[in-house]
Amino acid sequence: MSEVENVSDKRILPTFLLFIVLSWPLGAHRFFLKRYASAILFIITIGGCGIWWIIDFILIVTGSMKDDHGKVVKIWVD
């Protein structure tokens, strides 16, 4: 699979904004990326007791977070 095929059509900016504003109560960034099971676990475990929150922050900012198809969310804006 080439590098272009492995890049998600989702963007980092909305993912990051949802993460900052609604990650603790709702895990909204994971719902946005259609990662529903992990979003529900994020809510139930309160962000993995903060560990998932830190990991997600690093993954989003570095462009390493993946969507539901395993594609990397790498582009900030169009």
PDB file of N, CA and C in Angstrom:
ATOM      1  N   MET A   1       0.853  -1.178   0.000  1.00  0.00           N
ATOM      2  CA  MET A   1       0.000   0.000   0.000  1.00  0.00           C
ATOM      3  C   MET A   1       0.896   1.238   0.000  1.00  0.00           C
ATOM      4  N   SER A   2       0.613   2.172  -0.898  1.00  0.00           N
ATOM      5  CA  SER A   2       1.437   3.373  -0.980  1.00  0.00           C
ATOM      6  C   SER A   2       1.087   4.347   0.146  1.00  0.00           C
ATOM      7  N   GLU A   3       1.947   5.327   0.320  1.00  0.00           N
ATOM      8  CA  GLU A   3       1.770   6.322   1.387  1.00  0.00           C
ATOM      9  C   GLU A   3       0.468   7.104   1.222  1.00  0.00           C
ATOM     10  N   VAL A   4       0.097   7.433  -0.013  1.00  0.00           N
ATOM     11  CA  VAL A   4      -1.113   8.212  -0.278  1.00  0.00           C
ATOM     12  C   VAL A   4      -2.358   7.398   0.075  1.00  0.00           C
ATOM     13  N   GLU A   5      -2.346   6.111  -0.192  1.00  0.00           N
ATOM     14  CA  GLU A   5      -3.491   5.258   0.096  1.00  0.00           C
ATOM     15  C   GLU A   5      -3.691   5.062   1.592  1.00  0.00           C
ATOM     16  N   ASN A   6      -2.645   5.275   2.376  1.00  0.00           N
ATOM     17  CA  ASN A   6      -2.699   5.039   3.816  1.00  0.00           C
ATOM     18  C   ASN A   6      -3.055   6.294   4.604  1.00  0.00           C
ATOM     19  N   VAL A   7      -3.392   7.402   3.922  1.00  0.00           N
ATOM     20  CA  VAL A   7      -3.738   8.651   4.594  1.00  0.00           C
ATOM     21  C   VAL A   7      -5.257   8.794   4.628  1.00  0.00           C
ATOM     22  N   SER A   8      -5.789   9.092   5.800  1.00  0.00           N
ATOM     23  CA  SER A   8      -7.231   9.230   6.003  1.00  0.00           C
ATOM     24  C   SER A   8      -7.770  10.497   5.351  1.00  0.00           C
ATOM     25  N   ASP A   9      -9.062  10.486   5.025  1.00  0.00           N
ATOM     26  CA  ASP A   9      -9.698  11.697   4.517  1.00  0.00           C
ATOM     27  C   ASP A   9     -10.117  12.619   5.660  1.00  0.00           C
ATOM     28  N   LYS A  10     -10.014  12.149   6.899  1.00  0.00           N
ATOM     29  CA  LYS A  10     -10.271  12.989   8.076  1.00  0.00           C
ATOM     30  C   LYS A  10      -9.084  13.932   8.276  1.00  0.00           C
ATOM     31  N   ARG A  11      -9.317  15.056   8.945  1.00  0.00           N
ATOM     32  CA  ARG A  11      -8.273  16.052   9.164  1.00  0.00           C
ATOM     33  C   ARG A  11      -7.905  16.145  10.638  1.00  0.00           C
ATOM     34  N   ILE A  12      -6.684  16.565  10.905  1.00  0.00           N
ATOM     35  CA  ILE A  12      -6.196  16.673  12.279  1.00  0.00           C
ATOM     36  C   ILE A  12      -6.883  17.805  13.027  1.00  0.00           C
ATOM     37  N   LEU A  13      -7.089  18.951  12.397  1.00  0.00           N
ATOM     38  CA  LEU A  13      -7.636  20.117  13.097  1.00  0.00           C
ATOM     39  C   LEU A  13      -8.979  19.831  13.777  1.00  0.00           C
ATOM     40  N   PRO A  14      -9.994  19.300  13.068  1.00  0.00           N
ATOM     41  CA  PRO A  14     -11.237  19.010  13.782  1.00  0.00           C
ATOM     42  C   PRO A  14     -11.067  17.915  14.837  1.00  0.00           C
ATOM     43  N   THR A  15     -10.217  16.945  14.555  1.00  0.00           N
ATOM     44  CA  THR A  15      -9.941  15.894  15.538  1.00  0.00           C
ATOM     45  C   THR A  15      -9.329  16.503  16.790  1.00  0.00           C
ATOM     46  N   PHE A  16      -8.370  17.390  16.607  1.00  0.00           N
ATOM     47  CA  PHE A  16      -7.694  18.037  17.738  1.00  0.00           C
ATOM     48  C   PHE A  16      -8.655  18.920  18.528  1.00  0.00           C
ATOM     49  N   LEU A  17      -9.487  19.694  17.833  1.00  0.00           N
ATOM     50  CA  LEU A  17     -10.440  20.568  18.524  1.00  0.00           C
ATOM     51  C   LEU A  17     -11.468  19.765  19.319  1.00  0.00           C
ATOM     52  N   LEU A  18     -11.956  18.677  18.745  1.00  0.00           N
ATOM     53  CA  LEU A  18     -12.880  17.815  19.482  1.00  0.00           C
ATOM     54  C   LEU A  18     -12.183  17.190  20.687  1.00  0.00           C
ATOM     55  N   PHE A  19     -10.926  16.830  20.505  1.00  0.00           N
ATOM     56  CA  PHE A  19     -10.149  16.260  21.606  1.00  0.00           C
ATOM     57  C   PHE A  19     -10.017  17.259  22.752  1.00  0.00           C
ATOM     58  N   ILE A  20      -9.661  18.492  22.444  1.00  0.00           N
ATOM     59  CA  ILE A  20      -9.460  19.514  23.472  1.00  0.00           C
ATOM     60  C   ILE A  20     -10.773  19.872  24.173  1.00  0.00           C
ATOM     61  N   VAL A  21     -11.849  20.036  23.406  1.00  0.00           N
ATOM     62  CA  VAL A  21     -13.102  20.522  23.971  1.00  0.00           C
ATOM     63  C   VAL A  21     -13.946  19.406  24.601  1.00  0.00           C
ATOM     64  N   LEU A  22     -14.033  18.255  23.955  1.00  0.00           N
ATOM     65  CA  LEU A  22     -14.986  17.228  24.396  1.00  0.00           C
ATOM     66  C   LEU A  22     -14.382  15.852  24.683  1.00  0.00           C
ATOM     67  N   SER A  23     -13.077  15.763  24.884  1.00  0.00           N
ATOM     68  CA  SER A  23     -12.513  14.427  25.071  1.00  0.00           C
ATOM     69  C   SER A  23     -12.847  13.828  26.423  1.00  0.00           C
ATOM     70  N   TRP A  24     -12.762  14.615  27.503  1.00  0.00           N
ATOM     71  CA  TRP A  24     -13.041  14.033  28.823  1.00  0.00           C
ATOM     72  C   TRP A  24     -14.480  13.573  28.968  1.00  0.00           C
ATOM     73  N   PRO A  25     -15.461  14.414  28.679  1.00  0.00           N
ATOM     74  CA  PRO A  25     -16.812  13.899  28.917  1.00  0.00           C
ATOM     75  C   PRO A  25     -17.300  12.911  27.857  1.00  0.00           C
ATOM     76  N   LEU A  26     -16.840  13.036  26.612  1.00  0.00           N
ATOM     77  CA  LEU A  26     -17.467  12.268  25.539  1.00  0.00           C
ATOM     78  C   LEU A  26     -16.530  11.437  24.664  1.00  0.00           C
ATOM     79  N   GLY A  27     -15.248  11.667  24.685  1.00  0.00           N
ATOM     80  CA  GLY A  27     -14.351  10.963  23.773  1.00  0.00           C
ATOM     81  C   GLY A  27     -14.710  11.282  22.323  1.00  0.00           C
ATOM     82  N   ALA A  28     -15.138  12.517  22.092  1.00  0.00           N
ATOM     83  CA  ALA A  28     -15.695  12.920  20.792  1.00  0.00           C
ATOM     84  C   ALA A  28     -14.724  12.727  19.636  1.00  0.00           C
ATOM     85  N   HIS A  29     -13.436  12.896  19.876  1.00  0.00           N
ATOM     86  CA  HIS A  29     -12.461  12.737  18.788  1.00  0.00           C
ATOM     87  C   HIS A  29     -12.459  11.299  18.269  1.00  0.00           C
ATOM     88  N   ARG A  30     -12.669  10.331  19.139  1.00  0.00           N
ATOM     89  CA  ARG A  30     -12.719   8.933  18.709  1.00  0.00           C
ATOM     90  C   ARG A  30     -14.024   8.638  17.960  1.00  0.00           C
ATOM     91  N   PHE A  31     -15.128   9.239  18.372  1.00  0.00           N
ATOM     92  CA  PHE A  31     -16.375   9.098  17.620  1.00  0.00           C
ATOM     93  C   PHE A  31     -16.226   9.725  16.240  1.00  0.00           C
ATOM     94  N   PHE A  32     -15.558  10.887  16.151  1.00  0.00           N
ATOM     95  CA  PHE A  32     -15.328  11.556  14.877  1.00  0.00           C
ATOM     96  C   PHE A  32     -14.541  10.663  13.916  1.00  0.00           C
ATOM     97  N   LEU A  33     -13.597   9.896  14.451  1.00  0.00           N
ATOM     98  CA  LEU A  33     -12.791   8.996  13.627  1.00  0.00           C
ATOM     99  C   LEU A  33     -13.471   7.644  13.430  1.00  0.00           C
ATOM    100  N   LYS A  34     -14.710   7.525  13.905  1.00  0.00           N
ATOM    101  CA  LYS A  34     -15.535   6.323  13.794  1.00  0.00           C
ATOM    102  C   LYS A  34     -14.917   5.123  14.502  1.00  0.00           C
ATOM    103  N   ARG A  35     -14.240   5.389  15.606  1.00  0.00           N
ATOM    104  CA  ARG A  35     -13.678   4.330  16.439  1.00  0.00           C
ATOM    105  C   ARG A  35     -14.591   4.175  17.648  1.00  0.00           C
ATOM    106  N   TYR A  36     -15.791   3.665  17.398  1.00  0.00           N
ATOM    107  CA  TYR A  36     -16.864   3.664  18.379  1.00  0.00           C
ATOM    108  C   TYR A  36     -16.551   2.830  19.625  1.00  0.00           C
ATOM    109  N   ALA A  37     -16.024   1.643  19.450  1.00  0.00           N
ATOM    110  CA  ALA A  37     -15.736   0.781  20.611  1.00  0.00           C
ATOM    111  C   ALA A  37     -14.723   1.436  21.542  1.00  0.00           C
ATOM    112  N   SER A  38     -13.653   1.973  20.967  1.00  0.00           N
ATOM    113  CA  SER A  38     -12.639   2.614  21.812  1.00  0.00           C
ATOM    114  C   SER A  38     -13.160   3.921  22.395  1.00  0.00           C
ATOM    115  N   ALA A  39     -14.094   4.579  21.705  1.00  0.00           N
ATOM    116  CA  ALA A  39     -14.691   5.809  22.247  1.00  0.00           C
ATOM    117  C   ALA A  39     -15.515   5.500  23.486  1.00  0.00           C
ATOM    118  N   ILE A  40     -16.268   4.423  23.436  1.00  0.00           N
ATOM    119  CA  ILE A  40     -17.064   4.031  24.599  1.00  0.00           C
ATOM    120  C   ILE A  40     -16.154   3.624  25.751  1.00  0.00           C
ATOM    121  N   LEU A  41     -15.099   2.881  25.459  1.00  0.00           N
ATOM    122  CA  LEU A  41     -14.138   2.519  26.506  1.00  0.00           C
ATOM    123  C   LEU A  41     -13.446   3.755  27.072  1.00  0.00           C
ATOM    124  N   PHE A  42     -13.180   4.728  26.216  1.00  0.00           N
ATOM    125  CA  PHE A  42     -12.569   5.980  26.655  1.00  0.00           C
ATOM    126  C   PHE A  42     -13.464   6.664  27.682  1.00  0.00           C
ATOM    127  N   ILE A  43     -14.778   6.668  27.421  1.00  0.00           N
ATOM    128  CA  ILE A  43     -15.730   7.286  28.344  1.00  0.00           C
ATOM    129  C   ILE A  43     -15.805   6.503  29.652  1.00  0.00           C
ATOM    130  N   ILE A  44     -15.969   5.193  29.547  1.00  0.00           N
ATOM    131  CA  ILE A  44     -16.137   4.348  30.732  1.00  0.00           C
ATOM    132  C   ILE A  44     -14.919   4.398  31.654  1.00  0.00           C
ATOM    133  N   THR A  45     -13.724   4.408  31.063  1.00  0.00           N
ATOM    134  CA  THR A  45     -12.493   4.383  31.869  1.00  0.00           C
ATOM    135  C   THR A  45     -11.958   5.778  32.169  1.00  0.00           C
ATOM    136  N   ILE A  46     -12.738   6.799  31.806  1.00  0.00           N
ATOM    137  CA  ILE A  46     -12.323   8.202  31.974  1.00  0.00           C
ATOM    138  C   ILE A  46     -10.950   8.421  31.335  1.00  0.00           C
ATOM    139  N   GLY A  47     -10.915   8.082  30.065  1.00  0.00           N
ATOM    140  CA  GLY A  47      -9.680   8.267  29.301  1.00  0.00           C
ATOM    141  C   GLY A  47      -8.560   7.364  29.768  1.00  0.00           C
ATOM    142  N   GLY A  48      -8.929   6.144  30.183  1.00  0.00           N
ATOM    143  CA  GLY A  48      -7.897   5.225  30.668  1.00  0.00           C
ATOM    144  C   GLY A  48      -7.180   5.801  31.866  1.00  0.00           C
ATOM    145  N   CYS A  49      -7.972   6.437  32.744  1.00  0.00           N
ATOM    146  CA  CYS A  49      -7.420   7.121  33.941  1.00  0.00           C
ATOM    147  C   CYS A  49      -6.387   8.177  33.546  1.00  0.00           C
ATOM    148  N   GLY A  50      -6.598   8.792  32.399  1.00  0.00           N
ATOM    149  CA  GLY A  50      -5.716   9.866  31.950  1.00  0.00           C
ATOM    150  C   GLY A  50      -4.607   9.405  31.016  1.00  0.00           C
ATOM    151  N   ILE A  51      -4.335   8.108  31.002  1.00  0.00           N
ATOM    152  CA  ILE A  51      -3.241   7.601  30.164  1.00  0.00           C
ATOM    153  C   ILE A  51      -3.600   7.695  28.688  1.00  0.00           C
ATOM    154  N   TRP A  52      -4.823   7.267  28.322  1.00  0.00           N
ATOM    155  CA  TRP A  52      -5.252   7.375  26.927  1.00  0.00           C
ATOM    156  C   TRP A  52      -5.288   8.822  26.485  1.00  0.00           C
ATOM    157  N   TRP A  53      -5.655   9.712  27.399  1.00  0.00           N
ATOM    158  CA  TRP A  53      -5.721  11.134  27.064  1.00  0.00           C
ATOM    159  C   TRP A  53      -4.350  11.636  26.627  1.00  0.00           C
ATOM    160  N   ILE A  54      -3.326  11.286  27.373  1.00  0.00           N
ATOM    161  CA  ILE A  54      -1.954  11.698  27.040  1.00  0.00           C
ATOM    162  C   ILE A  54      -1.509  11.066  25.728  1.00  0.00           C
ATOM    163  N   ILE A  55      -1.772   9.779  25.584  1.00  0.00           N
ATOM    164  CA  ILE A  55      -1.374   9.074  24.359  1.00  0.00           C
ATOM    165  C   ILE A  55      -2.091   9.659  23.145  1.00  0.00           C
ATOM    166  N   ASP A  56      -3.400   9.895  23.252  1.00  0.00           N
ATOM    167  CA  ASP A  56      -4.151  10.472  22.134  1.00  0.00           C
ATOM    168  C   ASP A  56      -3.637  11.864  21.778  1.00  0.00           C
ATOM    169  N   PHE A  57      -3.311  12.664  22.771  1.00  0.00           N
ATOM    170  CA  PHE A  57      -2.764  13.991  22.503  1.00  0.00           C
ATOM    171  C   PHE A  57      -1.496  13.877  21.652  1.00  0.00           C
ATOM    172  N   ILE A  58      -0.598  12.999  22.049  1.00  0.00           N
ATOM    173  CA  ILE A  58       0.660  12.818  21.310  1.00  0.00           C
ATOM    174  C   ILE A  58       0.385  12.295  19.902  1.00  0.00           C
ATOM    175  N   LEU A  59      -0.504  11.306  19.785  1.00  0.00           N
ATOM    176  CA  LEU A  59      -0.818  10.740  18.466  1.00  0.00           C
ATOM    177  C   LEU A  59      -1.444  11.778  17.536  1.00  0.00           C
ATOM    178  N   ILE A  60      -2.336  12.589  18.046  1.00  0.00           N
ATOM    179  CA  ILE A  60      -2.999  13.598  17.214  1.00  0.00           C
ATOM    180  C   ILE A  60      -2.010  14.665  16.759  1.00  0.00           C
ATOM    181  N   VAL A  61      -1.239  15.200  17.689  1.00  0.00           N
ATOM    182  CA  VAL A  61      -0.316  16.289  17.363  1.00  0.00           C
ATOM    183  C   VAL A  61       0.781  15.842  16.398  1.00  0.00           C
ATOM    184  N   THR A  62       1.236  14.605  16.525  1.00  0.00           N
ATOM    185  CA  THR A  62       2.298  14.115  15.640  1.00  0.00           C
ATOM    186  C   THR A  62       1.773  13.550  14.322  1.00  0.00           C
ATOM    187  N   GLY A  63       0.435  13.510  14.159  1.00  0.00           N
ATOM    188  CA  GLY A  63      -0.139  12.995  12.921  1.00  0.00           C
ATOM    189  C   GLY A  63      -0.063  11.484  12.830  1.00  0.00           C
ATOM    190  N   SER A  64      -0.176  10.807  13.959  1.00  0.00           N
ATOM    191  CA  SER A  64      -0.080   9.348  13.987  1.00  0.00           C
ATOM    192  C   SER A  64      -1.390   8.654  14.363  1.00  0.00           C
ATOM    193  N   MET A  65      -2.427   9.415  14.677  1.00  0.00           N
ATOM    194  CA  MET A  65      -3.718   8.835  15.058  1.00  0.00           C
ATOM    195  C   MET A  65      -4.335   8.173  13.834  1.00  0.00           C
ATOM    196  N   LYS A  66      -5.015   7.050  14.035  1.00  0.00           N
ATOM    197  CA  LYS A  66      -5.616   6.319  12.926  1.00  0.00           C
ATOM    198  C   LYS A  66      -7.139   6.349  13.018  1.00  0.00           C
ATOM    199  N   ASP A  67      -7.770   6.286  11.843  1.00  0.00           N
ATOM    200  CA  ASP A  67      -9.227   6.246  11.801  1.00  0.00           C
ATOM    201  C   ASP A  67      -9.715   4.799  11.870  1.00  0.00           C
ATOM    202  N   ASP A  68     -10.993   4.576  11.595  1.00  0.00           N
ATOM    203  CA  ASP A  68     -11.573   3.240  11.707  1.00  0.00           C
ATOM    204  C   ASP A  68     -11.065   2.256  10.662  1.00  0.00           C
ATOM    205  N   HIS A  69     -10.482   2.739   9.587  1.00  0.00           N
ATOM    206  CA  HIS A  69      -9.927   1.872   8.546  1.00  0.00           C
ATOM    207  C   HIS A  69      -8.424   1.664   8.700  1.00  0.00           C
ATOM    208  N   GLY A  70      -7.864   2.182   9.785  1.00  0.00           N
ATOM    209  CA  GLY A  70      -6.431   2.042  10.015  1.00  0.00           C
ATOM    210  C   GLY A  70      -5.593   3.022   9.225  1.00  0.00           C
ATOM    211  N   LYS A  71      -6.237   4.016   8.633  1.00  0.00           N
ATOM    212  CA  LYS A  71      -5.516   5.037   7.875  1.00  0.00           C
ATOM    213  C   LYS A  71      -5.088   6.160   8.817  1.00  0.00           C
ATOM    214  N   VAL A  72      -3.930   6.716   8.573  1.00  0.00           N
ATOM    215  CA  VAL A  72      -3.361   7.744   9.439  1.00  0.00           C
ATOM    216  C   VAL A  72      -4.000   9.100   9.159  1.00  0.00           C
ATOM    217  N   VAL A  73      -4.403   9.790  10.231  1.00  0.00           N
ATOM    218  CA  VAL A  73      -4.936  11.153  10.127  1.00  0.00           C
ATOM    219  C   VAL A  73      -3.722  12.077  10.156  1.00  0.00           C
ATOM    220  N   LYS A  74      -3.290  12.489   8.965  1.00  0.00           N
ATOM    221  CA  LYS A  74      -1.995  13.136   8.835  1.00  0.00           C
ATOM    222  C   LYS A  74      -2.053  14.578   8.364  1.00  0.00           C
ATOM    223  N   ILE A  75      -3.143  15.000   7.766  1.00  0.00           N
ATOM    224  CA  ILE A  75      -3.240  16.332   7.165  1.00  0.00           C
ATOM    225  C   ILE A  75      -4.024  17.255   8.114  1.00  0.00           C
ATOM    226  N   TRP A  76      -3.473  18.438   8.403  1.00  0.00           N
ATOM    227  CA  TRP A  76      -4.126  19.381   9.324  1.00  0.00           C
ATOM    228  C   TRP A  76      -5.371  19.994   8.716  1.00  0.00           C
ATOM    229  N   VAL A  77      -5.257  20.602   7.548  1.00  0.00           N
ATOM    230  CA  VAL A  77      -6.396  21.233   6.859  1.00  0.00           C
ATOM    231  C   VAL A  77      -6.247  21.014   5.362  1.00  0.00           C
ATOM    232  N   ASP A  78      -7.324  21.265   4.629  1.00  0.00           N
ATOM    233  CA  ASP A  78      -7.273  21.131   3.160  1.00  0.00           C
ATOM    234  C   ASP A  78      -6.509  22.258   2.530  1.00  0.00           C
TER     235      ASP A  78
END
